[in-house]
C-alpha cells in the first residue's frame, strides 16, 4: 500500500548529499545562462518542443522534428496525430508555467488542468478500478496503483500539501522533486498522461522553488537514454523502500541535462548574435522583433511575421523571401502555403 508523505526516515545519505552539491551547481549555472537569452519565448518554444518530443517518445508516441514544427504552422491539409499530441504537451507545459507563475503554488486543480490540456479530455482523477502498470514485453503486471477514487483523492490531497508546504519536510528541494515524481507516478491518478504530466510537474516545481526562472530543464531525454533503470528504480522503492539509488539517478539526470542545456543555449545564443549582425548590417528591415521571430519559430510563415512585426502580408512575404534567397532561411512549400526554416537553428536542436 502506498504511504502518505512525508517520508519519515532520513534518505539524504552521504552519497546523496555529495551529488546534491554538483547538481545544484549545474542547475545554478543553467539559471544564469538562461538569463542571457533576450526573449524567453525563444527557449520555451525550442527547448520545450524538444522536451515534448522526448517525453512523448517515452510513451511510444513517436514523431519527427519536421512534423512537430509543421504541425505548429497550422496549415490546412497537414495531419499528424503524433505531432498533434506533442503540440498538446508544449501547450500543457506553457499552461502549467502560467499557473505557477501567477501564484507560486501547484494545486490539484492545476494538475488536472495540465493533464486536461495534454490529453484534451476532462476525465479528471480515475474513478473506475482496473488500472495496472504492465511490462510492455511480457504483459505481466509489475505494479498496481491505488484503485479507489477516495484513496486516489486522499493521496493527491496529501501530495498537494507536500508540494506547497515547505514546513512538512526539510529535505533539499531537488530531493523533494524526486519524491514528488515517485509519489505522483505511484498514485497514477489519471487514466492517461501520467508520465508526461509527472515530467511537467518536475520542471514546474524547480521554477516554484526559484531554482530556475523558466521551465527549461527537461529530464525526458535522460529518461529515454536510461528508460529501463528509470522504471526499475521506481519499482525498487515500492519493493524495498530503498531510496538512495533513485535519488542518485535523478540527481545525476539534473546535473547531466543542466550541462547539456547550458552547452546548447550557448550555441543558440551565438547563432542569435551572428544573425543579429548579419540582419543589422545587410537588411534595412532589421528589427529585434524579426530576429526574435526567426528564433522563436524555427519554422516560420508569413502570418507569424505579420503578427509579430505588425506589417502587411506583402511586406512580410518580401522579408521572408529575401532572407531565403540569401540563404538565411530555407523556403518550403506545404499545400498552397509556404514556410521558412531556420536550418542552422534546427541543426542545433536536432543534434544527438
C-alpha atoms as a PDB file:
ATOM      1  CA  UNK A   1       0.000   0.000   0.000  1.00  0.00           C
ATOM      2  CA  UNK A   2       1.302   3.438  -0.961  1.00  0.00           C
ATOM      3  CA  UNK A   3       2.196   5.526   2.077  1.00  0.00           C
ATOM      4  CA  UNK A   4       1.457   9.212   2.515  1.00  0.00           C
ATOM      5  CA  UNK A   5       4.160  11.856   2.638  1.00  0.00           C
ATOM      6  CA  UNK A   6       6.387  12.970   4.282  1.00  0.00           C
ATOM      7  CA  UNK A   7       8.939  10.141   4.326  1.00  0.00           C
ATOM      8  CA  UNK A   8       9.818   9.577   7.945  1.00  0.00           C
ATOM      9  CA  UNK A   9      13.357   8.234   7.530  1.00  0.00           C
ATOM     10  CA  UNK A  10      16.398  10.290   6.519  1.00  0.00           C
ATOM     11  CA  UNK A  11      17.024   9.480   2.860  1.00  0.00           C
ATOM     12  CA  UNK A  12      19.663  12.195   2.368  1.00  0.00           C
ATOM     13  CA  UNK A  13      22.649   9.851   2.677  1.00  0.00           C
ATOM     14  CA  UNK A  14      26.291  10.961   2.327  1.00  0.00           C
ATOM     15  CA  UNK A  15      26.293   9.933  -1.343  1.00  0.00           C
ATOM     16  CA  UNK A  16      23.071  11.874  -1.957  1.00  0.00           C
ATOM     17  CA  UNK A  17      24.391  14.994  -0.192  1.00  0.00           C
ATOM     18  CA  UNK A  18      27.571  14.848  -2.276  1.00  0.00           C
ATOM     19  CA  UNK A  19      25.576  14.546  -5.507  1.00  0.00           C
ATOM     20  CA  UNK A  20      23.293  17.427  -4.443  1.00  0.00           C
ATOM     21  CA  UNK A  21      26.278  19.796  -4.422  1.00  0.00           C
ATOM     22  CA  UNK A  22      27.161  19.139  -8.075  1.00  0.00           C
ATOM     23  CA  UNK A  23      23.520  19.004  -9.220  1.00  0.00           C
ATOM     24  CA  UNK A  24      22.782  22.389  -7.615  1.00  0.00           C
ATOM     25  CA  UNK A  25      25.935  23.896  -9.084  1.00  0.00           C
ATOM     26  CA  UNK A  26      24.944  22.811 -12.607  1.00  0.00           C
ATOM     27  CA  UNK A  27      21.364  23.994 -12.139  1.00  0.00           C
ATOM     28  CA  UNK A  28      22.502  27.418 -10.858  1.00  0.00           C
ATOM     29  CA  UNK A  29      24.771  27.781 -13.896  1.00  0.00           C
ATOM     30  CA  UNK A  30      21.846  26.897 -16.176  1.00  0.00           C
ATOM     31  CA  UNK A  31      19.662  29.517 -14.488  1.00  0.00           C
ATOM     32  CA  UNK A  32      22.339  32.133 -15.157  1.00  0.00           C
ATOM     33  CA  UNK A  33      22.814  31.142 -18.804  1.00  0.00           C
ATOM     34  CA  UNK A  34      19.051  31.218 -19.477  1.00  0.00           C
ATOM     35  CA  UNK A  35      19.022  34.876 -18.392  1.00  0.00           C
ATOM     36  CA  UNK A  36      21.414  35.745 -21.252  1.00  0.00           C
ATOM     37  CA  UNK A  37      18.821  34.957 -23.953  1.00  0.00           C
ATOM     38  CA  UNK A  38      16.946  38.208 -24.676  1.00  0.00           C
ATOM     39  CA  UNK A  39      13.499  36.702 -25.318  1.00  0.00           C
ATOM     40  CA  UNK A  40      12.247  33.942 -23.011  1.00  0.00           C
ATOM     41  CA  UNK A  41       9.773  32.531 -25.545  1.00  0.00           C
ATOM     42  CA  UNK A  42      12.724  31.516 -27.761  1.00  0.00           C
ATOM     43  CA  UNK A  43      13.810  28.912 -25.202  1.00  0.00           C
ATOM     44  CA  UNK A  44      10.324  27.828 -24.152  1.00  0.00           C
ATOM     45  CA  UNK A  45       9.349  27.226 -27.785  1.00  0.00           C
ATOM     46  CA  UNK A  46      12.530  25.500 -28.942  1.00  0.00           C
ATOM     47  CA  UNK A  47      13.634  23.556 -25.852  1.00  0.00           C
ATOM     48  CA  UNK A  48      10.018  22.982 -24.815  1.00  0.00           C
ATOM     49  CA  UNK A  49       9.226  21.237 -28.088  1.00  0.00           C
ATOM     50  CA  UNK A  50      12.388  19.146 -27.736  1.00  0.00           C
ATOM     51  CA  UNK A  51      11.167  18.018 -24.306  1.00  0.00           C
ATOM     52  CA  UNK A  52       7.659  17.435 -25.628  1.00  0.00           C
ATOM     53  CA  UNK A  53       9.042  15.160 -28.347  1.00  0.00           C
ATOM     54  CA  UNK A  54      11.220  13.178 -25.904  1.00  0.00           C
ATOM     55  CA  UNK A  55       8.593  12.953 -23.168  1.00  0.00           C
ATOM     56  CA  UNK A  56       6.040  11.686 -25.685  1.00  0.00           C
ATOM     57  CA  UNK A  57       8.554   9.178 -27.073  1.00  0.00           C
ATOM     58  CA  UNK A  58       8.824   7.582 -23.611  1.00  0.00           C
ATOM     59  CA  UNK A  59       5.109   6.762 -24.012  1.00  0.00           C
ATOM     60  CA  UNK A  60       5.775   5.413 -27.557  1.00  0.00           C
ATOM     61  CA  UNK A  61       4.308   8.497 -29.242  1.00  0.00           C
ATOM     62  CA  UNK A  62       6.942   8.816 -31.954  1.00  0.00           C
ATOM     63  CA  UNK A  63       7.218  11.718 -34.369  1.00  0.00           C
ATOM     64  CA  UNK A  64       9.851  13.805 -36.166  1.00  0.00           C
ATOM     65  CA  UNK A  65      11.046  17.350 -35.571  1.00  0.00           C
ATOM     66  CA  UNK A  66       9.851  18.193 -39.068  1.00  0.00           C
ATOM     67  CA  UNK A  67       6.301  17.005 -38.351  1.00  0.00           C
ATOM     68  CA  UNK A  68       6.193  18.763 -34.961  1.00  0.00           C
ATOM     69  CA  UNK A  69       7.171  22.143 -36.394  1.00  0.00           C
ATOM     70  CA  UNK A  70       4.890  21.690 -39.408  1.00  0.00           C
ATOM     71  CA  UNK A  71       2.014  20.964 -37.027  1.00  0.00           C
ATOM     72  CA  UNK A  72       2.788  24.262 -35.295  1.00  0.00           C
ATOM     73  CA  UNK A  73       2.236  26.126 -38.565  1.00  0.00           C
ATOM     74  CA  UNK A  74      -1.450  25.046 -38.586  1.00  0.00           C
ATOM     75  CA  UNK A  75      -1.587  24.628 -42.353  1.00  0.00           C
ATOM     76  CA  UNK A  76      -4.702  23.134 -43.907  1.00  0.00           C
ATOM     77  CA  UNK A  77      -4.152  19.614 -45.138  1.00  0.00           C
ATOM     78  CA  UNK A  78      -1.273  18.712 -42.799  1.00  0.00           C
ATOM     79  CA  UNK A  79      -2.272  16.000 -40.351  1.00  0.00           C
ATOM     80  CA  UNK A  80      -0.056  14.101 -37.917  1.00  0.00           C
ATOM     81  CA  UNK A  81      -1.716  12.683 -34.808  1.00  0.00           C
ATOM     82  CA  UNK A  82       1.628  12.105 -33.071  1.00  0.00           C
ATOM     83  CA  UNK A  83       2.812  15.650 -33.820  1.00  0.00           C
ATOM     84  CA  UNK A  84      -0.513  16.977 -32.539  1.00  0.00           C
ATOM     85  CA  UNK A  85      -0.011  15.104 -29.244  1.00  0.00           C
ATOM     86  CA  UNK A  86       3.448  16.638 -28.926  1.00  0.00           C
ATOM     87  CA  UNK A  87       1.977  20.094 -29.604  1.00  0.00           C
ATOM     88  CA  UNK A  88      -0.556  19.391 -26.827  1.00  0.00           C
ATOM     89  CA  UNK A  89       2.374  18.698 -24.490  1.00  0.00           C
ATOM     90  CA  UNK A  90       4.032  22.059 -25.097  1.00  0.00           C
ATOM     91  CA  UNK A  91       0.644  23.710 -24.662  1.00  0.00           C
ATOM     92  CA  UNK A  92       0.182  21.905 -21.304  1.00  0.00           C
ATOM     93  CA  UNK A  93       3.698  22.923 -20.205  1.00  0.00           C
ATOM     94  CA  UNK A  94       3.022  26.584 -21.030  1.00  0.00           C
ATOM     95  CA  UNK A  95      -0.335  26.443 -19.219  1.00  0.00           C
ATOM     96  CA  UNK A  96       1.357  24.991 -16.125  1.00  0.00           C
ATOM     97  CA  UNK A  97       4.082  27.661 -16.249  1.00  0.00           C
ATOM     98  CA  UNK A  98       1.437  30.410 -16.405  1.00  0.00           C
ATOM     99  CA  UNK A  99      -0.488  28.877 -13.479  1.00  0.00           C
ATOM    100  CA  UNK A 100       2.525  28.643 -11.148  1.00  0.00           C
ATOM    101  CA  UNK A 101       3.990  31.998 -12.242  1.00  0.00           C
ATOM    102  CA  UNK A 102       0.876  33.741 -11.015  1.00  0.00           C
ATOM    103  CA  UNK A 103       0.794  32.233  -7.529  1.00  0.00           C
ATOM    104  CA  UNK A 104       3.895  30.042  -6.875  1.00  0.00           C
ATOM    105  CA  UNK A 105       1.555  27.184  -5.966  1.00  0.00           C
ATOM    106  CA  UNK A 106       0.723  23.951  -7.765  1.00  0.00           C
ATOM    107  CA  UNK A 107      -2.685  22.666  -6.722  1.00  0.00           C
ATOM    108  CA  UNK A 108      -4.567  19.523  -7.691  1.00  0.00           C
ATOM    109  CA  UNK A 109      -6.867  21.662  -9.825  1.00  0.00           C
ATOM    110  CA  UNK A 110      -3.782  22.943 -11.679  1.00  0.00           C
ATOM    111  CA  UNK A 111      -2.516  19.396 -12.198  1.00  0.00           C
ATOM    112  CA  UNK A 112      -5.939  18.374 -13.550  1.00  0.00           C
ATOM    113  CA  UNK A 113      -5.878  21.390 -15.906  1.00  0.00           C
ATOM    114  CA  UNK A 114      -2.399  20.457 -17.161  1.00  0.00           C
ATOM    115  CA  UNK A 115      -3.457  16.842 -17.817  1.00  0.00           C
ATOM    116  CA  UNK A 116      -6.654  18.031 -19.487  1.00  0.00           C
ATOM    117  CA  UNK A 117      -4.642  20.265 -21.846  1.00  0.00           C
ATOM    118  CA  UNK A 118      -2.328  17.346 -22.560  1.00  0.00           C
ATOM    119  CA  UNK A 119      -4.993  14.732 -23.237  1.00  0.00           C
ATOM    120  CA  UNK A 120      -7.757  17.039 -24.491  1.00  0.00           C
ATOM    121  CA  UNK A 121     -10.309  15.449 -22.163  1.00  0.00           C
ATOM    122  CA  UNK A 122     -11.838  16.346 -18.812  1.00  0.00           C
ATOM    123  CA  UNK A 123     -11.930  12.900 -17.192  1.00  0.00           C
ATOM    124  CA  UNK A 124     -10.102  14.101 -14.047  1.00  0.00           C
ATOM    125  CA  UNK A 125      -8.801  11.612 -11.489  1.00  0.00           C
ATOM    126  CA  UNK A 126      -9.561   7.907 -12.042  1.00  0.00           C
ATOM    127  CA  UNK A 127     -12.950   6.840 -10.710  1.00  0.00           C
ATOM    128  CA  UNK A 128     -13.059   3.269 -12.047  1.00  0.00           C
ATOM    129  CA  UNK A 129     -10.842   0.369 -10.885  1.00  0.00           C
ATOM    130  CA  UNK A 130      -8.788  -1.752 -13.273  1.00  0.00           C
ATOM    131  CA  UNK A 131      -5.629   0.306 -13.867  1.00  0.00           C
ATOM    132  CA  UNK A 132      -2.391  -1.705 -13.687  1.00  0.00           C
ATOM    133  CA  UNK A 133       1.134  -0.987 -14.940  1.00  0.00           C
ATOM    134  CA  UNK A 134       2.341  -3.833 -17.143  1.00  0.00           C
ATOM    135  CA  UNK A 135       5.662  -4.914 -18.595  1.00  0.00           C
ATOM    136  CA  UNK A 136       5.366  -3.905 -22.273  1.00  0.00           C
ATOM    137  CA  UNK A 137       7.306  -7.012 -23.380  1.00  0.00           C
ATOM    138  CA  UNK A 138       5.804  -9.778 -21.239  1.00  0.00           C
ATOM    139  CA  UNK A 139       2.428  -8.222 -20.408  1.00  0.00           C
ATOM    140  CA  UNK A 140       2.773  -9.142 -16.727  1.00  0.00           C
ATOM    141  CA  UNK A 141       1.582  -6.672 -14.091  1.00  0.00           C
ATOM    142  CA  UNK A 142       4.552  -5.009 -12.377  1.00  0.00           C
ATOM    143  CA  UNK A 143       2.631  -2.560 -10.195  1.00  0.00           C
ATOM    144  CA  UNK A 144      -0.984  -1.926  -9.236  1.00  0.00           C
ATOM    145  CA  UNK A 145      -1.618   1.694  -8.196  1.00  0.00           C
ATOM    146  CA  UNK A 146      -4.425   2.697  -5.778  1.00  0.00           C
ATOM    147  CA  UNK A 147      -7.780   1.699  -7.252  1.00  0.00           C
ATOM    148  CA  UNK A 148     -10.423   3.522  -5.209  1.00  0.00           C
ATOM    149  CA  UNK A 149     -11.289   7.104  -6.138  1.00  0.00           C
ATOM    150  CA  UNK A 150     -11.410   8.050  -2.423  1.00  0.00           C
ATOM    151  CA  UNK A 151      -7.876   6.716  -1.900  1.00  0.00           C
ATOM    152  CA  UNK A 152      -6.546   8.496  -5.017  1.00  0.00           C
ATOM    153  CA  UNK A 153      -8.122  11.753  -3.857  1.00  0.00           C
ATOM    154  CA  UNK A 154      -6.718  11.322  -0.340  1.00  0.00           C
ATOM    155  CA  UNK A 155      -3.189  10.631  -1.630  1.00  0.00           C
ATOM    156  CA  UNK A 156      -3.318  13.507  -4.143  1.00  0.00           C
ATOM    157  CA  UNK A 157      -4.511  15.904  -1.408  1.00  0.00           C
ATOM    158  CA  UNK A 158      -1.546  14.781   0.686  1.00  0.00           C
ATOM    159  CA  UNK A 159       0.803  15.252  -2.291  1.00  0.00           C
ATOM    160  CA  UNK A 160      -0.614  18.734  -2.936  1.00  0.00           C
ATOM    161  CA  UNK A 161       0.225  19.690   0.664  1.00  0.00           C
ATOM    162  CA  UNK A 162       3.738  18.255   0.327  1.00  0.00           C
ATOM    163  CA  UNK A 163       4.362  20.227  -2.892  1.00  0.00           C
ATOM    164  CA  UNK A 164       3.221  23.552  -1.469  1.00  0.00           C
ATOM    165  CA  UNK A 165       4.007  23.493   2.259  1.00  0.00           C
ATOM    166  CA  UNK A 166       7.746  23.508   2.981  1.00  0.00           C
ATOM    167  CA  UNK A 167       7.185  23.019   6.714  1.00  0.00           C
ATOM    168  CA  UNK A 168       6.135  19.396   6.101  1.00  0.00           C
ATOM    169  CA  UNK A 169       9.671  18.301   5.213  1.00  0.00           C
ATOM    170  CA  UNK A 170      13.098  19.938   5.376  1.00  0.00           C
ATOM    171  CA  UNK A 171      14.631  17.847   2.604  1.00  0.00           C
ATOM    172  CA  UNK A 172      16.530  19.665  -0.140  1.00  0.00           C
ATOM    173  CA  UNK A 173      14.203  20.927  -2.939  1.00  0.00           C
ATOM    174  CA  UNK A 174      15.851  18.634  -5.512  1.00  0.00           C
ATOM    175  CA  UNK A 175      15.279  15.648  -3.231  1.00  0.00           C
ATOM    176  CA  UNK A 176      11.672  16.789  -2.825  1.00  0.00           C
ATOM    177  CA  UNK A 177      11.281  16.962  -6.601  1.00  0.00           C
ATOM    178  CA  UNK A 178      12.336  13.308  -6.919  1.00  0.00           C
ATOM    179  CA  UNK A 179       9.989  12.304  -4.064  1.00  0.00           C
ATOM    180  CA  UNK A 180       7.093  14.181  -5.698  1.00  0.00           C
ATOM    181  CA  UNK A 181       7.809  12.433  -9.000  1.00  0.00           C
ATOM    182  CA  UNK A 182       7.894   8.994  -7.373  1.00  0.00           C
ATOM    183  CA  UNK A 183       4.699   9.649  -5.426  1.00  0.00           C
ATOM    184  CA  UNK A 184       2.778  11.052  -8.394  1.00  0.00           C
ATOM    185  CA  UNK A 185       3.761   8.177 -10.686  1.00  0.00           C
ATOM    186  CA  UNK A 186       2.875   5.671  -7.950  1.00  0.00           C
ATOM    187  CA  UNK A 187      -0.555   7.217  -7.334  1.00  0.00           C
ATOM    188  CA  UNK A 188      -1.032   7.231 -11.137  1.00  0.00           C
ATOM    189  CA  UNK A 189      -4.125   9.408 -10.688  1.00  0.00           C
ATOM    190  CA  UNK A 190      -5.247   9.699 -14.329  1.00  0.00           C
ATOM    191  CA  UNK A 191      -6.413   7.188 -16.913  1.00  0.00           C
ATOM    192  CA  UNK A 192      -3.889   8.634 -19.403  1.00  0.00           C
ATOM    193  CA  UNK A 193      -0.959  11.045 -19.451  1.00  0.00           C
ATOM    194  CA  UNK A 194       0.503  10.279 -16.002  1.00  0.00           C
ATOM    195  CA  UNK A 195       4.110  10.019 -17.184  1.00  0.00           C
ATOM    196  CA  UNK A 196       4.010  13.218 -19.218  1.00  0.00           C
ATOM    197  CA  UNK A 197       2.099  15.153 -16.539  1.00  0.00           C
ATOM    198  CA  UNK A 198       4.614  13.969 -13.937  1.00  0.00           C
ATOM    199  CA  UNK A 199       7.530  15.187 -16.030  1.00  0.00           C
ATOM    200  CA  UNK A 200       5.893  18.600 -16.446  1.00  0.00           C
ATOM    201  CA  UNK A 201       5.441  18.771 -12.651  1.00  0.00           C
ATOM    202  CA  UNK A 202       9.215  18.162 -12.230  1.00  0.00           C
ATOM    203  CA  UNK A 203      10.261  21.311 -14.041  1.00  0.00           C
ATOM    204  CA  UNK A 204       7.397  23.435 -12.685  1.00  0.00           C
ATOM    205  CA  UNK A 205       8.495  22.548  -9.153  1.00  0.00           C
ATOM    206  CA  UNK A 206      12.028  23.801  -9.897  1.00  0.00           C
ATOM    207  CA  UNK A 207      10.556  27.120 -11.072  1.00  0.00           C
ATOM    208  CA  UNK A 208       8.337  27.309  -7.969  1.00  0.00           C
ATOM    209  CA  UNK A 209      11.428  26.906  -5.789  1.00  0.00           C
ATOM    210  CA  UNK A 210      13.319  29.612  -7.750  1.00  0.00           C
ATOM    211  CA  UNK A 211      15.950  27.118  -8.884  1.00  0.00           C
ATOM    212  CA  UNK A 212      15.027  28.176 -12.442  1.00  0.00           C
ATOM    213  CA  UNK A 213      13.191  31.194 -13.835  1.00  0.00           C
ATOM    214  CA  UNK A 214      11.957  29.358 -16.928  1.00  0.00           C
ATOM    215  CA  UNK A 215      10.866  25.723 -17.366  1.00  0.00           C
ATOM    216  CA  UNK A 216      13.878  24.619 -19.424  1.00  0.00           C
ATOM    217  CA  UNK A 217      15.367  21.634 -17.556  1.00  0.00           C
ATOM    218  CA  UNK A 218      13.908  18.643 -19.326  1.00  0.00           C
ATOM    219  CA  UNK A 219      14.716  15.214 -17.943  1.00  0.00           C
ATOM    220  CA  UNK A 220      12.896  13.224 -20.633  1.00  0.00           C
ATOM    221  CA  UNK A 221      15.995  12.858 -22.804  1.00  0.00           C
ATOM    222  CA  UNK A 222      17.877  11.418 -19.813  1.00  0.00           C
ATOM    223  CA  UNK A 223      14.976   9.081 -19.003  1.00  0.00           C
ATOM    224  CA  UNK A 224      14.795   7.817 -22.616  1.00  0.00           C
ATOM    225  CA  UNK A 225      18.509   7.005 -22.551  1.00  0.00           C
ATOM    226  CA  UNK A 226      18.078   5.207 -19.199  1.00  0.00           C
ATOM    227  CA  UNK A 227      14.478   4.018 -19.525  1.00  0.00           C
ATOM    228  CA  UNK A 228      14.995   0.572 -18.006  1.00  0.00           C
ATOM    229  CA  UNK A 229      16.843   1.965 -14.978  1.00  0.00           C
ATOM    230  CA  UNK A 230      14.138   4.619 -14.508  1.00  0.00           C
ATOM    231  CA  UNK A 231      11.328   2.059 -14.224  1.00  0.00           C
ATOM    232  CA  UNK A 232      13.427  -0.421 -12.233  1.00  0.00           C
ATOM    233  CA  UNK A 233      14.400   2.188  -9.647  1.00  0.00           C
ATOM    234  CA  UNK A 234      10.788   3.354  -9.201  1.00  0.00           C
ATOM    235  CA  UNK A 235       9.879  -0.286  -8.614  1.00  0.00           C
ATOM    236  CA  UNK A 236      12.818  -0.781  -6.230  1.00  0.00           C
ATOM    237  CA  UNK A 237      11.382   1.832  -3.851  1.00  0.00           C
ATOM    238  CA  UNK A 238       7.965   0.147  -3.956  1.00  0.00           C
ATOM    239  CA  UNK A 239       9.520  -3.254  -3.253  1.00  0.00           C
ATOM    240  CA  UNK A 240      12.311  -2.459  -0.771  1.00  0.00           C
ATOM    241  CA  UNK A 241      11.869   1.184   0.342  1.00  0.00           C
ATOM    242  CA  UNK A 242      15.443   1.859  -0.855  1.00  0.00           C
ATOM    243  CA  UNK A 243      15.541   5.494  -1.954  1.00  0.00           C
ATOM    244  CA  UNK A 244      19.257   6.102  -2.419  1.00  0.00           C
ATOM    245  CA  UNK A 245      19.650   4.638  -5.923  1.00  0.00           C
ATOM    246  CA  UNK A 246      16.577   6.506  -7.201  1.00  0.00           C
ATOM    247  CA  UNK A 247      17.752   9.824  -5.741  1.00  0.00           C
ATOM    248  CA  UNK A 248      21.253   9.433  -7.171  1.00  0.00           C
ATOM    249  CA  UNK A 249      19.801   8.524 -10.575  1.00  0.00           C
ATOM    250  CA  UNK A 250      17.508  11.569 -10.717  1.00  0.00           C
ATOM    251  CA  UNK A 251      20.124  13.990  -9.347  1.00  0.00           C
ATOM    252  CA  UNK A 252      22.585  12.707 -11.921  1.00  0.00           C
ATOM    253  CA  UNK A 253      19.936  13.473 -14.548  1.00  0.00           C
ATOM    254  CA  UNK A 254      19.546  17.040 -13.246  1.00  0.00           C
ATOM    255  CA  UNK A 255      23.312  17.561 -13.441  1.00  0.00           C
ATOM    256  CA  UNK A 256      23.798  15.962 -16.862  1.00  0.00           C
ATOM    257  CA  UNK A 257      20.854  17.665 -18.552  1.00  0.00           C
ATOM    258  CA  UNK A 258      21.736  21.031 -16.987  1.00  0.00           C
ATOM    259  CA  UNK A 259      25.227  20.812 -18.508  1.00  0.00           C
ATOM    260  CA  UNK A 260      23.888  19.699 -21.908  1.00  0.00           C
ATOM    261  CA  UNK A 261      21.324  22.522 -21.908  1.00  0.00           C
ATOM    262  CA  UNK A 262      23.964  25.112 -20.931  1.00  0.00           C
ATOM    263  CA  UNK A 263      26.037  23.969 -23.923  1.00  0.00           C
ATOM    264  CA  UNK A 264      23.039  24.115 -26.290  1.00  0.00           C
ATOM    265  CA  UNK A 265      21.879  27.551 -25.085  1.00  0.00           C
ATOM    266  CA  UNK A 266      25.421  28.849 -25.598  1.00  0.00           C
ATOM    267  CA  UNK A 267      25.297  27.720 -29.228  1.00  0.00           C
ATOM    268  CA  UNK A 268      21.801  29.198 -29.727  1.00  0.00           C
ATOM    269  CA  UNK A 269      22.966  32.492 -28.226  1.00  0.00           C
ATOM    270  CA  UNK A 270      25.999  32.617 -30.541  1.00  0.00           C
ATOM    271  CA  UNK A 271      23.770  31.961 -33.556  1.00  0.00           C
ATOM    272  CA  UNK A 272      21.317  34.681 -32.473  1.00  0.00           C
ATOM    273  CA  UNK A 273      24.165  37.230 -32.317  1.00  0.00           C
ATOM    274  CA  UNK A 274      25.513  36.087 -35.679  1.00  0.00           C
ATOM    275  CA  UNK A 275      22.064  36.539 -37.268  1.00  0.00           C
ATOM    276  CA  UNK A 276      21.624  39.864 -35.489  1.00  0.00           C
ATOM    277  CA  UNK A 277      24.847  41.224 -37.006  1.00  0.00           C
ATOM    278  CA  UNK A 278      24.016  39.860 -40.464  1.00  0.00           C
ATOM    279  CA  UNK A 279      20.497  41.309 -40.439  1.00  0.00           C
ATOM    280  CA  UNK A 280      21.542  44.644 -38.995  1.00  0.00           C
ATOM    281  CA  UNK A 281      24.425  45.092 -41.477  1.00  0.00           C
ATOM    282  CA  UNK A 282      22.684  43.941 -44.661  1.00  0.00           C
ATOM    283  CA  UNK A 283      18.926  44.474 -44.365  1.00  0.00           C
ATOM    284  CA  UNK A 284      17.134  47.780 -43.902  1.00  0.00           C
ATOM    285  CA  UNK A 285      14.135  45.930 -42.446  1.00  0.00           C
ATOM    286  CA  UNK A 286      16.133  44.513 -39.489  1.00  0.00           C
ATOM    287  CA  UNK A 287      14.339  44.681 -36.131  1.00  0.00           C
ATOM    288  CA  UNK A 288      14.611  42.883 -32.797  1.00  0.00           C
ATOM    289  CA  UNK A 289      11.062  41.568 -33.361  1.00  0.00           C
ATOM    290  CA  UNK A 290      12.138  39.975 -36.639  1.00  0.00           C
ATOM    291  CA  UNK A 291      15.181  38.379 -35.004  1.00  0.00           C
ATOM    292  CA  UNK A 292      13.018  37.056 -32.157  1.00  0.00           C
ATOM    293  CA  UNK A 293      10.554  35.587 -34.651  1.00  0.00           C
ATOM    294  CA  UNK A 294      13.239  33.661 -36.545  1.00  0.00           C
ATOM    295  CA  UNK A 295      14.424  32.019 -33.320  1.00  0.00           C
ATOM    296  CA  UNK A 296      11.068  31.640 -31.575  1.00  0.00           C
ATOM    297  CA  UNK A 297       9.736  29.835 -34.662  1.00  0.00           C
ATOM    298  CA  UNK A 298      12.401  27.607 -36.255  1.00  0.00           C
ATOM    299  CA  UNK A 299       9.682  27.055 -38.876  1.00  0.00           C
ATOM    300  CA  UNK A 300       8.041  30.429 -39.551  1.00  0.00           C
ATOM    301  CA  UNK A 301       5.494  31.692 -42.049  1.00  0.00           C
ATOM    302  CA  UNK A 302       4.107  34.949 -43.455  1.00  0.00           C
ATOM    303  CA  UNK A 303       1.281  35.146 -40.900  1.00  0.00           C
ATOM    304  CA  UNK A 304       3.752  34.898 -37.978  1.00  0.00           C
ATOM    305  CA  UNK A 305       5.787  37.830 -39.357  1.00  0.00           C
ATOM    306  CA  UNK A 306       2.610  39.845 -39.981  1.00  0.00           C
ATOM    307  CA  UNK A 307       1.508  39.305 -36.398  1.00  0.00           C
ATOM    308  CA  UNK A 308       4.864  39.766 -34.631  1.00  0.00           C
ATOM    309  CA  UNK A 309       6.064  42.769 -36.652  1.00  0.00           C
ATOM    310  CA  UNK A 310       2.682  44.417 -37.344  1.00  0.00           C
ATOM    311  CA  UNK A 311       3.352  44.577 -41.099  1.00  0.00           C
ATOM    312  CA  UNK A 312       1.221  43.763 -44.140  1.00  0.00           C
ATOM    313  CA  UNK A 313       1.169  40.339 -45.755  1.00  0.00           C
ATOM    314  CA  UNK A 314       3.024  41.654 -48.825  1.00  0.00           C
ATOM    315  CA  UNK A 315       5.756  43.167 -46.636  1.00  0.00           C
ATOM    316  CA  UNK A 316       6.086  40.000 -44.524  1.00  0.00           C
ATOM    317  CA  UNK A 317       6.405  37.855 -47.657  1.00  0.00           C
ATOM    318  CA  UNK A 318       9.049  40.238 -49.066  1.00  0.00           C
ATOM    319  CA  UNK A 319      11.151  39.974 -45.887  1.00  0.00           C
ATOM    320  CA  UNK A 320      10.999  36.162 -45.781  1.00  0.00           C
ATOM    321  CA  UNK A 321      11.655  35.690 -49.487  1.00  0.00           C
ATOM    322  CA  UNK A 322      14.676  37.971 -49.374  1.00  0.00           C
ATOM    323  CA  UNK A 323      16.118  36.102 -46.371  1.00  0.00           C
ATOM    324  CA  UNK A 324      15.554  32.745 -48.079  1.00  0.00           C
ATOM    325  CA  UNK A 325      17.106  33.984 -51.349  1.00  0.00           C
ATOM    326  CA  UNK A 326      20.240  34.894 -49.383  1.00  0.00           C
ATOM    327  CA  UNK A 327      20.346  31.530 -47.568  1.00  0.00           C
ATOM    328  CA  UNK A 328      19.446  32.700 -44.051  1.00  0.00           C
ATOM    329  CA  UNK A 329      16.201  30.728 -44.274  1.00  0.00           C
ATOM    330  CA  UNK A 330      15.115  27.769 -46.410  1.00  0.00           C
ATOM    331  CA  UNK A 331      11.801  28.220 -48.238  1.00  0.00           C
ATOM    332  CA  UNK A 332       9.498  25.174 -48.440  1.00  0.00           C
ATOM    333  CA  UNK A 333       6.008  24.579 -49.805  1.00  0.00           C
ATOM    334  CA  UNK A 334       3.202  22.801 -47.962  1.00  0.00           C
ATOM    335  CA  UNK A 335      -0.129  22.542 -49.759  1.00  0.00           C
ATOM    336  CA  UNK A 336      -0.879  26.026 -51.049  1.00  0.00           C
ATOM    337  CA  UNK A 337       1.279  27.809 -48.455  1.00  0.00           C
ATOM    338  CA  UNK A 338       4.986  28.481 -47.924  1.00  0.00           C
ATOM    339  CA  UNK A 339       7.006  28.152 -44.762  1.00  0.00           C
ATOM    340  CA  UNK A 340      10.587  29.115 -43.958  1.00  0.00           C
ATOM    341  CA  UNK A 341      13.073  27.080 -41.937  1.00  0.00           C
ATOM    342  CA  UNK A 342      15.917  28.462 -39.832  1.00  0.00           C
ATOM    343  CA  UNK A 343      18.093  25.480 -40.790  1.00  0.00           C
ATOM    344  CA  UNK A 344      21.097  26.385 -38.671  1.00  0.00           C
ATOM    345  CA  UNK A 345      18.913  26.603 -35.561  1.00  0.00           C
ATOM    346  CA  UNK A 346      17.248  23.292 -36.453  1.00  0.00           C
ATOM    347  CA  UNK A 347      20.679  21.674 -36.817  1.00  0.00           C
ATOM    348  CA  UNK A 348      21.489  22.718 -33.247  1.00  0.00           C
ATOM    349  CA  UNK A 349      18.158  21.451 -31.888  1.00  0.00           C
ATOM    350  CA  UNK A 350      18.361  18.086 -33.618  1.00  0.00           C
ATOM    351  CA  UNK A 351      21.989  17.198 -32.858  1.00  0.00           C
ATOM    352  CA  UNK A 352      22.252  13.918 -30.963  1.00  0.00           C
END
